[in-house]
Amino acid sequence: MNGYIRATEDVDILIKKNIENIKKLVNFLSSYGEGYGSQLQDSDFEYEEGAVRLIEQFPIDIFVIMGGNRYEDLTKFVQTIDVAGYPIPFLNAEGLIQLKKNSVREKDKIDVLNLKKLHDL
């Protein structure tokens, strides 16, 4: 979506932590795949680093804080695309750089370099 493609094993989702939002997420995940998402509760989503991992057709990592950022910190970098009539929000290149710039993972460092080069940032 940002013009830079690399293989990944999972999908990372950063959510805004409030009861209504978590209920919507759990409701959706309950009908996705085998429905293991129905077992998730509000208490599974704390304001701390680390993800709740749901493994269905592919792993989904759900974060409340990612790389020191909350959802609210990154909203200015959110863009939306339409997929089969559903709006799908995603981080633009600048947002991904913000998210990954302090990572210790080598693949994140490479992502940052490639995104900066591709987008002249």
N, C-alpha and C. Protein backbone atom coordinates (compact mmCIF):
# COMPACT_ATOMS: atom_id res chain seq x y z
N MET A 1 0.81 -1.19 0.00
CA MET A 1 0.00 0.00 0.00
C MET A 1 0.86 1.26 0.00
N ASN A 2 2.10 1.09 0.44
CA ASN A 2 3.02 2.22 0.43
C ASN A 2 4.10 2.08 -0.62
N GLY A 3 3.90 1.14 -1.55
CA GLY A 3 4.84 0.98 -2.65
C GLY A 3 6.06 0.15 -2.33
N TYR A 4 6.11 -0.40 -1.13
CA TYR A 4 7.25 -1.23 -0.72
C TYR A 4 6.69 -2.57 -0.27
N ILE A 5 7.10 -3.62 -0.95
CA ILE A 5 6.56 -4.95 -0.68
C ILE A 5 7.65 -5.83 -0.10
N ARG A 6 7.28 -6.53 0.98
CA ARG A 6 8.16 -7.58 1.50
C ARG A 6 7.28 -8.64 2.14
N ALA A 7 7.78 -9.85 2.17
CA ALA A 7 7.03 -10.96 2.75
C ALA A 7 6.88 -10.75 4.26
N THR A 8 5.73 -11.13 4.77
CA THR A 8 5.49 -11.05 6.20
C THR A 8 4.71 -12.28 6.62
N GLU A 9 4.81 -12.63 7.87
CA GLU A 9 4.14 -13.83 8.37
C GLU A 9 2.82 -13.52 9.04
N ASP A 10 2.59 -12.26 9.37
CA ASP A 10 1.40 -11.93 10.15
C ASP A 10 0.86 -10.57 9.74
N VAL A 11 -0.24 -10.20 10.37
CA VAL A 11 -0.81 -8.87 10.20
C VAL A 11 -0.84 -8.22 11.57
N ASP A 12 -0.30 -7.02 11.66
CA ASP A 12 -0.33 -6.26 12.92
C ASP A 12 -1.47 -5.27 12.88
N ILE A 13 -2.24 -5.24 13.96
CA ILE A 13 -3.35 -4.30 14.08
C ILE A 13 -3.16 -3.52 15.36
N LEU A 14 -3.18 -2.21 15.25
CA LEU A 14 -3.11 -1.32 16.41
C LEU A 14 -4.51 -0.78 16.64
N ILE A 15 -5.05 -1.01 17.84
CA ILE A 15 -6.43 -0.61 18.11
C ILE A 15 -6.51 0.51 19.13
N LYS A 16 -7.57 1.27 19.03
CA LYS A 16 -7.89 2.26 20.05
C LYS A 16 -8.58 1.51 21.18
N LYS A 17 -8.05 1.64 22.39
CA LYS A 17 -8.59 0.88 23.52
C LYS A 17 -9.76 1.63 24.14
N ASN A 18 -10.94 1.16 23.83
CA ASN A 18 -12.14 1.54 24.57
C ASN A 18 -13.11 0.37 24.45
N ILE A 19 -14.03 0.28 25.37
CA ILE A 19 -14.89 -0.89 25.44
C ILE A 19 -15.68 -1.10 24.16
N GLU A 20 -16.24 -0.03 23.60
CA GLU A 20 -17.04 -0.15 22.38
C GLU A 20 -16.20 -0.70 21.23
N ASN A 21 -15.01 -0.20 21.07
CA ASN A 21 -14.13 -0.64 19.99
C ASN A 21 -13.73 -2.11 20.16
N ILE A 22 -13.41 -2.49 21.38
CA ILE A 22 -13.01 -3.88 21.64
C ILE A 22 -14.19 -4.82 21.41
N LYS A 23 -15.39 -4.40 21.78
CA LYS A 23 -16.57 -5.23 21.52
C LYS A 23 -16.76 -5.45 20.02
N LYS A 24 -16.58 -4.39 19.23
CA LYS A 24 -16.69 -4.52 17.77
C LYS A 24 -15.64 -5.48 17.22
N LEU A 25 -14.42 -5.34 17.72
CA LEU A 25 -13.33 -6.21 17.27
C LEU A 25 -13.62 -7.67 17.61
N VAL A 26 -14.01 -7.93 18.86
CA VAL A 26 -14.30 -9.30 19.29
C VAL A 26 -15.48 -9.86 18.50
N ASN A 27 -16.49 -9.04 18.27
CA ASN A 27 -17.64 -9.49 17.49
C ASN A 27 -17.21 -9.91 16.08
N PHE A 28 -16.38 -9.08 15.44
CA PHE A 28 -15.90 -9.43 14.10
C PHE A 28 -15.05 -10.70 14.14
N LEU A 29 -14.10 -10.76 15.08
CA LEU A 29 -13.19 -11.90 15.13
C LEU A 29 -13.91 -13.19 15.52
N SER A 30 -15.06 -13.07 16.17
CA SER A 30 -15.85 -14.25 16.54
C SER A 30 -16.39 -14.97 15.31
N SER A 31 -16.61 -14.22 14.25
CA SER A 31 -17.14 -14.82 13.03
C SER A 31 -16.06 -15.03 11.97
N TYR A 32 -14.81 -14.79 12.34
CA TYR A 32 -13.69 -14.95 11.42
C TYR A 32 -13.04 -16.31 11.67
N GLY A 33 -12.76 -17.04 10.63
CA GLY A 33 -12.08 -18.33 10.76
C GLY A 33 -12.85 -19.28 11.65
N GLU A 34 -12.16 -19.86 12.61
CA GLU A 34 -12.78 -20.79 13.56
C GLU A 34 -13.48 -20.07 14.70
N GLY A 35 -13.37 -18.76 14.75
CA GLY A 35 -14.06 -17.99 15.77
C GLY A 35 -13.35 -17.91 17.11
N TYR A 36 -12.05 -18.19 17.13
CA TYR A 36 -11.30 -18.14 18.39
C TYR A 36 -11.31 -16.74 19.01
N GLY A 37 -11.53 -15.74 18.19
CA GLY A 37 -11.59 -14.37 18.70
C GLY A 37 -12.70 -14.15 19.70
N SER A 38 -13.70 -15.02 19.71
CA SER A 38 -14.80 -14.87 20.67
C SER A 38 -14.33 -15.02 22.11
N GLN A 39 -13.16 -15.61 22.31
CA GLN A 39 -12.63 -15.82 23.65
C GLN A 39 -11.92 -14.58 24.20
N LEU A 40 -11.70 -13.59 23.36
CA LEU A 40 -11.01 -12.38 23.81
C LEU A 40 -11.92 -11.53 24.67
N GLN A 41 -11.30 -10.83 25.63
CA GLN A 41 -12.02 -9.94 26.54
C GLN A 41 -11.29 -8.61 26.64
N ASP A 42 -11.99 -7.62 27.16
CA ASP A 42 -11.40 -6.29 27.35
C ASP A 42 -10.10 -6.38 28.15
N SER A 43 -10.07 -7.25 29.15
CA SER A 43 -8.90 -7.37 30.01
C SER A 43 -7.67 -7.92 29.28
N ASP A 44 -7.86 -8.48 28.09
CA ASP A 44 -6.72 -8.96 27.30
C ASP A 44 -5.93 -7.82 26.67
N PHE A 45 -6.53 -6.65 26.63
CA PHE A 45 -5.93 -5.51 25.94
C PHE A 45 -5.56 -4.43 26.94
N GLU A 46 -4.32 -4.48 27.41
CA GLU A 46 -3.82 -3.52 28.39
C GLU A 46 -2.92 -2.50 27.71
N TYR A 47 -2.74 -1.36 28.37
CA TYR A 47 -1.84 -0.33 27.86
C TYR A 47 -0.40 -0.72 28.16
N GLU A 48 0.11 -1.66 27.38
CA GLU A 48 1.49 -2.08 27.52
C GLU A 48 1.97 -2.64 26.19
N GLU A 49 3.29 -2.65 26.01
CA GLU A 49 3.86 -3.21 24.78
C GLU A 49 3.54 -4.70 24.72
N GLY A 50 3.44 -5.21 23.54
CA GLY A 50 3.15 -6.62 23.35
C GLY A 50 1.80 -6.80 22.70
N ALA A 51 1.65 -7.93 22.05
CA ALA A 51 0.44 -8.17 21.27
C ALA A 51 -0.36 -9.33 21.82
N VAL A 52 -1.64 -9.29 21.52
CA VAL A 52 -2.50 -10.46 21.67
C VAL A 52 -2.45 -11.13 20.30
N ARG A 53 -2.02 -12.37 20.27
CA ARG A 53 -1.88 -13.07 18.98
C ARG A 53 -3.06 -14.01 18.79
N LEU A 54 -3.70 -13.86 17.66
CA LEU A 54 -4.81 -14.73 17.27
C LEU A 54 -4.37 -15.45 16.00
N ILE A 55 -4.38 -16.77 16.06
CA ILE A 55 -3.96 -17.54 14.89
C ILE A 55 -5.18 -18.22 14.28
N GLU A 56 -5.48 -17.80 13.10
CA GLU A 56 -6.57 -18.39 12.32
C GLU A 56 -5.96 -18.81 10.98
N GLN A 57 -6.40 -18.23 9.89
CA GLN A 57 -5.84 -18.56 8.58
C GLN A 57 -4.40 -18.04 8.48
N PHE A 58 -4.10 -17.00 9.24
CA PHE A 58 -2.76 -16.45 9.38
C PHE A 58 -2.73 -15.75 10.73
N PRO A 59 -1.55 -15.54 11.30
CA PRO A 59 -1.47 -14.88 12.60
C PRO A 59 -1.86 -13.39 12.52
N ILE A 60 -2.65 -12.97 13.49
CA ILE A 60 -3.02 -11.56 13.64
C ILE A 60 -2.52 -11.13 15.00
N ASP A 61 -1.67 -10.12 15.04
CA ASP A 61 -1.17 -9.56 16.29
C ASP A 61 -1.90 -8.25 16.55
N ILE A 62 -2.58 -8.18 17.70
CA ILE A 62 -3.39 -7.02 18.04
C ILE A 62 -2.70 -6.27 19.17
N PHE A 63 -2.41 -5.00 18.92
CA PHE A 63 -1.68 -4.16 19.87
C PHE A 63 -2.55 -3.02 20.37
N VAL A 64 -2.30 -2.60 21.60
CA VAL A 64 -2.85 -1.35 22.13
C VAL A 64 -1.74 -0.30 22.11
N ILE A 65 -0.51 -0.75 22.34
CA ILE A 65 0.68 0.09 22.21
C ILE A 65 1.67 -0.65 21.33
N MET A 66 2.19 0.04 20.33
CA MET A 66 3.15 -0.57 19.42
C MET A 66 4.31 0.41 19.22
N GLY A 67 5.49 -0.03 19.56
CA GLY A 67 6.65 0.84 19.40
C GLY A 67 6.53 2.13 20.19
N GLY A 68 5.86 2.05 21.35
CA GLY A 68 5.67 3.23 22.19
C GLY A 68 4.53 4.13 21.75
N ASN A 69 3.83 3.75 20.69
CA ASN A 69 2.74 4.56 20.14
C ASN A 69 1.38 3.94 20.41
N ARG A 70 0.43 4.79 20.78
CA ARG A 70 -0.97 4.38 20.86
C ARG A 70 -1.64 4.73 19.54
N TYR A 71 -2.81 4.18 19.32
CA TYR A 71 -3.58 4.47 18.11
C TYR A 71 -3.71 5.97 17.90
N GLU A 72 -4.03 6.68 18.98
CA GLU A 72 -4.24 8.12 18.91
C GLU A 72 -3.00 8.87 18.44
N ASP A 73 -1.82 8.33 18.73
CA ASP A 73 -0.57 8.98 18.32
C ASP A 73 -0.34 8.91 16.81
N LEU A 74 -0.96 7.95 16.16
CA LEU A 74 -0.67 7.70 14.75
C LEU A 74 -1.81 8.06 13.81
N THR A 75 -2.91 8.58 14.32
CA THR A 75 -4.08 8.84 13.46
C THR A 75 -3.76 9.82 12.33
N LYS A 76 -2.83 10.73 12.54
CA LYS A 76 -2.51 11.69 11.48
C LYS A 76 -1.82 11.02 10.28
N PHE A 77 -1.38 9.78 10.46
CA PHE A 77 -0.71 9.04 9.39
C PHE A 77 -1.62 8.01 8.73
N VAL A 78 -2.88 7.96 9.14
CA VAL A 78 -3.79 6.93 8.64
C VAL A 78 -4.41 7.33 7.31
N GLN A 79 -4.38 6.39 6.38
CA GLN A 79 -5.09 6.51 5.11
C GLN A 79 -6.06 5.33 5.04
N THR A 80 -7.02 5.41 4.14
CA THR A 80 -8.02 4.35 4.03
C THR A 80 -8.16 3.92 2.58
N ILE A 81 -8.26 2.62 2.39
CA ILE A 81 -8.59 2.08 1.07
C ILE A 81 -9.87 1.27 1.21
N ASP A 82 -10.56 1.10 0.11
CA ASP A 82 -11.79 0.32 0.09
C ASP A 82 -11.48 -1.07 -0.45
N VAL A 83 -11.83 -2.09 0.32
CA VAL A 83 -11.64 -3.46 -0.12
C VAL A 83 -13.00 -4.16 -0.02
N ALA A 84 -13.56 -4.47 -1.16
CA ALA A 84 -14.86 -5.16 -1.23
C ALA A 84 -15.93 -4.43 -0.43
N GLY A 85 -15.88 -3.11 -0.48
CA GLY A 85 -16.90 -2.32 0.21
C GLY A 85 -16.60 -2.03 1.67
N TYR A 86 -15.45 -2.48 2.16
CA TYR A 86 -15.07 -2.23 3.55
C TYR A 86 -13.91 -1.23 3.58
N PRO A 87 -14.03 -0.19 4.40
CA PRO A 87 -12.91 0.74 4.53
C PRO A 87 -11.81 0.10 5.39
N ILE A 88 -10.61 0.06 4.86
CA ILE A 88 -9.47 -0.53 5.56
C ILE A 88 -8.45 0.57 5.84
N PRO A 89 -8.31 0.96 7.12
CA PRO A 89 -7.30 1.97 7.45
C PRO A 89 -5.91 1.34 7.52
N PHE A 90 -4.92 2.11 7.12
CA PHE A 90 -3.54 1.65 7.19
C PHE A 90 -2.63 2.86 7.38
N LEU A 91 -1.43 2.61 7.86
CA LEU A 91 -0.46 3.70 8.05
C LEU A 91 0.22 4.02 6.73
N ASN A 92 0.36 5.31 6.45
CA ASN A 92 1.12 5.72 5.28
C ASN A 92 2.61 5.52 5.57
N ALA A 93 3.44 5.81 4.59
CA ALA A 93 4.88 5.59 4.73
C ALA A 93 5.46 6.34 5.91
N GLU A 94 5.07 7.59 6.08
CA GLU A 94 5.59 8.39 7.20
C GLU A 94 5.20 7.76 8.54
N GLY A 95 3.99 7.24 8.63
CA GLY A 95 3.54 6.58 9.85
C GLY A 95 4.30 5.30 10.13
N LEU A 96 4.57 4.52 9.08
CA LEU A 96 5.35 3.30 9.27
C LEU A 96 6.77 3.62 9.73
N ILE A 97 7.33 4.67 9.18
CA ILE A 97 8.67 5.10 9.61
C ILE A 97 8.63 5.51 11.08
N GLN A 98 7.63 6.28 11.47
CA GLN A 98 7.46 6.70 12.86
C GLN A 98 7.38 5.47 13.77
N LEU A 99 6.64 4.48 13.33
CA LEU A 99 6.42 3.27 14.12
C LEU A 99 7.68 2.42 14.24
N LYS A 100 8.46 2.34 13.17
CA LYS A 100 9.58 1.42 13.11
C LYS A 100 10.95 2.04 13.38
N LYS A 101 11.02 3.35 13.45
CA LYS A 101 12.33 4.01 13.48
C LYS A 101 13.20 3.65 14.68
N ASN A 102 12.61 3.28 15.80
CA ASN A 102 13.39 2.93 16.99
C ASN A 102 13.47 1.43 17.23
N SER A 103 13.01 0.65 16.27
CA SER A 103 13.01 -0.81 16.42
C SER A 103 14.44 -1.34 16.40
N VAL A 104 14.66 -2.41 17.13
CA VAL A 104 15.96 -3.07 17.11
C VAL A 104 16.00 -4.19 16.07
N ARG A 105 14.86 -4.50 15.48
CA ARG A 105 14.81 -5.57 14.49
C ARG A 105 15.42 -5.11 13.17
N GLU A 106 16.29 -5.93 12.63
CA GLU A 106 16.98 -5.59 11.38
C GLU A 106 15.99 -5.37 10.23
N LYS A 107 14.95 -6.20 10.15
CA LYS A 107 14.00 -6.04 9.04
C LYS A 107 13.24 -4.72 9.15
N ASP A 108 13.00 -4.23 10.37
CA ASP A 108 12.35 -2.93 10.52
C ASP A 108 13.29 -1.80 10.10
N LYS A 109 14.57 -1.93 10.42
CA LYS A 109 15.55 -0.92 10.00
C LYS A 109 15.63 -0.85 8.47
N ILE A 110 15.59 -2.01 7.84
CA ILE A 110 15.61 -2.06 6.37
C ILE A 110 14.34 -1.44 5.81
N ASP A 111 13.20 -1.73 6.45
CA ASP A 111 11.93 -1.13 6.02
C ASP A 111 12.02 0.40 6.06
N VAL A 112 12.56 0.93 7.14
CA VAL A 112 12.66 2.39 7.29
C VAL A 112 13.53 2.97 6.17
N LEU A 113 14.68 2.37 5.92
CA LEU A 113 15.56 2.87 4.85
C LEU A 113 14.86 2.83 3.49
N ASN A 114 14.20 1.73 3.20
CA ASN A 114 13.52 1.60 1.90
C ASN A 114 12.34 2.56 1.77
N LEU A 115 11.57 2.73 2.83
CA LEU A 115 10.44 3.66 2.78
C LEU A 115 10.91 5.10 2.60
N LYS A 116 11.98 5.47 3.31
CA LYS A 116 12.52 6.83 3.16
C LYS A 116 13.00 7.07 1.73
N LYS A 117 13.70 6.10 1.19
CA LYS A 117 14.22 6.22 -0.17
C LYS A 117 13.07 6.30 -1.19
N LEU A 118 12.11 5.42 -1.05
CA LEU A 118 10.99 5.35 -1.99
C LEU A 118 10.12 6.60 -1.98
N HIS A 119 9.98 7.20 -0.79
CA HIS A 119 9.09 8.36 -0.64
C HIS A 119 9.84 9.68 -0.44
N ASP A 120 11.15 9.67 -0.67
CA ASP A 120 11.96 10.88 -0.52
C ASP A 120 11.74 11.55 0.83
N LEU A 121 11.79 10.76 1.88
CA LEU A 121 11.58 11.29 3.25
C LEU A 121 12.89 11.35 4.01
